[in-house]
Amino acid sequence: MKRVKLDQTKDLPAEGKGKVLLLQDGREIAIFKREGKLYAIDNICPHEGGPLGDGVFEEDIVTCPWHGWQFDVKTGACQNLCGENVCCYPVEVENGEIFLRLE
């Protein structure tokens, strides 16, 4: 597994909001904060490519702003259509910096 530095915790959005970060390999990651814990998923909705990081985030579910598809940020599971999940990435926080574990 590869460990990638994303951002600093001071630069994260408020609880219940998302933020989009770009990895060096061109991948877009949406990061969310819920009850003090961070979750990271692919930013691109598998339906038509909507930006999940710009979606409405309630409870553990983010809703794509384009067509309303919903995803659980803890598991990546699509709530609309079985098998249309997004990738989830383990998040680690160390000394105020955020890291992802990528396979």
Protein backbone atom coordinates (compact mmCIF):
# COMPACT_ATOMS: atom_id res chain seq x y z
CA MET A 1 0.00 0.00 0.00
CA LYS A 2 1.09 3.50 -0.76
CA ARG A 3 0.68 6.36 1.71
CA VAL A 4 -0.12 9.75 0.18
CA LYS A 5 -0.18 13.12 1.96
CA LEU A 6 -3.39 15.00 1.19
CA ASP A 7 -3.78 18.16 3.22
CA GLN A 8 -3.59 19.66 6.68
CA THR A 9 -6.49 19.29 9.09
CA LYS A 10 -6.69 23.08 9.53
CA ASP A 11 -7.63 23.38 5.83
CA LEU A 12 -10.58 20.99 5.99
CA PRO A 13 -14.18 22.14 5.62
CA ALA A 14 -16.55 22.26 8.56
CA GLU A 15 -18.32 19.20 9.89
CA GLY A 16 -20.88 17.96 7.36
CA LYS A 17 -19.16 19.52 4.33
CA GLY A 18 -16.99 18.01 1.62
CA LYS A 19 -13.73 19.09 0.04
CA VAL A 20 -12.20 17.92 -3.22
CA LEU A 21 -8.47 17.20 -3.37
CA LEU A 22 -6.41 16.27 -6.42
CA LEU A 23 -3.80 13.53 -6.15
CA GLN A 24 -0.57 13.62 -8.14
CA ASP A 25 -1.83 10.77 -10.34
CA GLY A 26 -4.79 12.93 -11.40
CA ARG A 27 -7.37 11.20 -9.22
CA GLU A 28 -9.91 13.41 -7.46
CA ILE A 29 -10.73 12.51 -3.87
CA ALA A 30 -13.67 13.86 -1.88
CA ILE A 31 -13.00 14.09 1.84
CA PHE A 32 -15.73 14.49 4.47
CA LYS A 33 -15.77 15.06 8.20
CA ARG A 34 -18.44 13.46 10.37
CA GLU A 35 -18.40 13.44 14.16
CA GLY A 36 -14.70 14.33 14.12
CA LYS A 37 -13.69 11.44 11.84
CA LEU A 38 -12.49 11.82 8.23
CA TYR A 39 -13.71 9.76 5.28
CA ALA A 40 -12.36 9.75 1.72
CA ILE A 41 -14.02 8.48 -1.45
CA ASP A 42 -13.56 8.96 -5.18
CA ASN A 43 -14.97 12.35 -6.14
CA ILE A 44 -16.47 11.19 -9.45
CA CYS A 45 -20.02 9.78 -9.38
CA PRO A 46 -20.20 6.59 -11.50
CA HIS A 47 -23.59 7.65 -12.90
CA GLU A 48 -22.51 10.62 -15.04
CA GLY A 49 -19.35 11.95 -13.42
CA GLY A 50 -20.84 14.44 -10.97
CA PRO A 51 -18.57 15.93 -8.27
CA LEU A 52 -19.45 14.13 -5.03
CA GLY A 53 -17.37 16.54 -2.94
CA ASP A 54 -19.82 19.30 -3.90
CA GLY A 55 -22.86 17.24 -2.89
CA VAL A 56 -25.11 17.48 0.15
CA PHE A 57 -23.66 15.47 3.04
CA GLU A 58 -26.03 14.25 5.77
CA GLU A 59 -25.46 11.49 8.30
CA ASP A 60 -23.06 9.16 6.43
CA ILE A 61 -24.54 9.80 2.97
CA VAL A 62 -23.37 12.19 0.25
CA THR A 63 -25.82 13.04 -2.53
CA CYS A 64 -24.42 13.80 -5.98
CA PRO A 65 -25.39 17.37 -6.95
CA TRP A 66 -26.08 16.40 -10.58
CA HIS A 67 -28.68 13.61 -10.41
CA GLY A 68 -29.16 12.73 -6.75
CA TRP A 69 -27.31 9.44 -6.56
CA GLN A 70 -26.30 8.70 -2.97
CA PHE A 71 -23.20 7.06 -1.50
CA ASP A 72 -22.20 6.00 2.00
CA VAL A 73 -18.87 7.73 2.74
CA LYS A 74 -17.86 4.96 5.16
CA THR A 75 -18.22 2.12 2.65
CA GLY A 76 -18.59 3.71 -0.80
CA ALA A 77 -21.84 1.79 -1.28
CA CYS A 78 -24.29 3.28 -3.75
CA GLN A 79 -27.75 3.67 -2.25
CA ASN A 80 -29.46 3.79 -5.67
CA LEU A 81 -28.12 0.87 -7.68
CA CYS A 82 -26.32 -2.20 -6.39
CA GLY A 83 -22.75 -2.46 -7.66
CA GLU A 84 -22.31 1.21 -8.65
CA ASN A 85 -20.08 1.92 -5.66
CA VAL A 86 -17.22 4.39 -5.37
CA CYS A 87 -13.81 3.54 -3.89
CA CYS A 88 -13.18 4.36 -0.24
CA TYR A 89 -9.75 5.12 1.13
CA PRO A 90 -8.49 4.73 4.69
CA VAL A 91 -7.60 8.11 6.20
CA GLU A 92 -4.89 8.71 8.78
CA VAL A 93 -4.19 11.93 10.66
CA GLU A 94 -0.70 12.54 12.01
CA ASN A 95 0.58 15.79 13.50
CA GLY A 96 -2.17 17.81 11.81
CA GLU A 97 -1.57 16.26 8.38
CA ILE A 98 -3.95 14.00 6.47
CA PHE A 99 -2.76 10.87 4.67
CA LEU A 100 -4.55 8.31 2.47
CA ARG A 101 -3.68 4.66 2.05
CA LEU A 102 -3.87 3.70 -1.61
CA GLU A 103 -3.51 0.22 -3.08
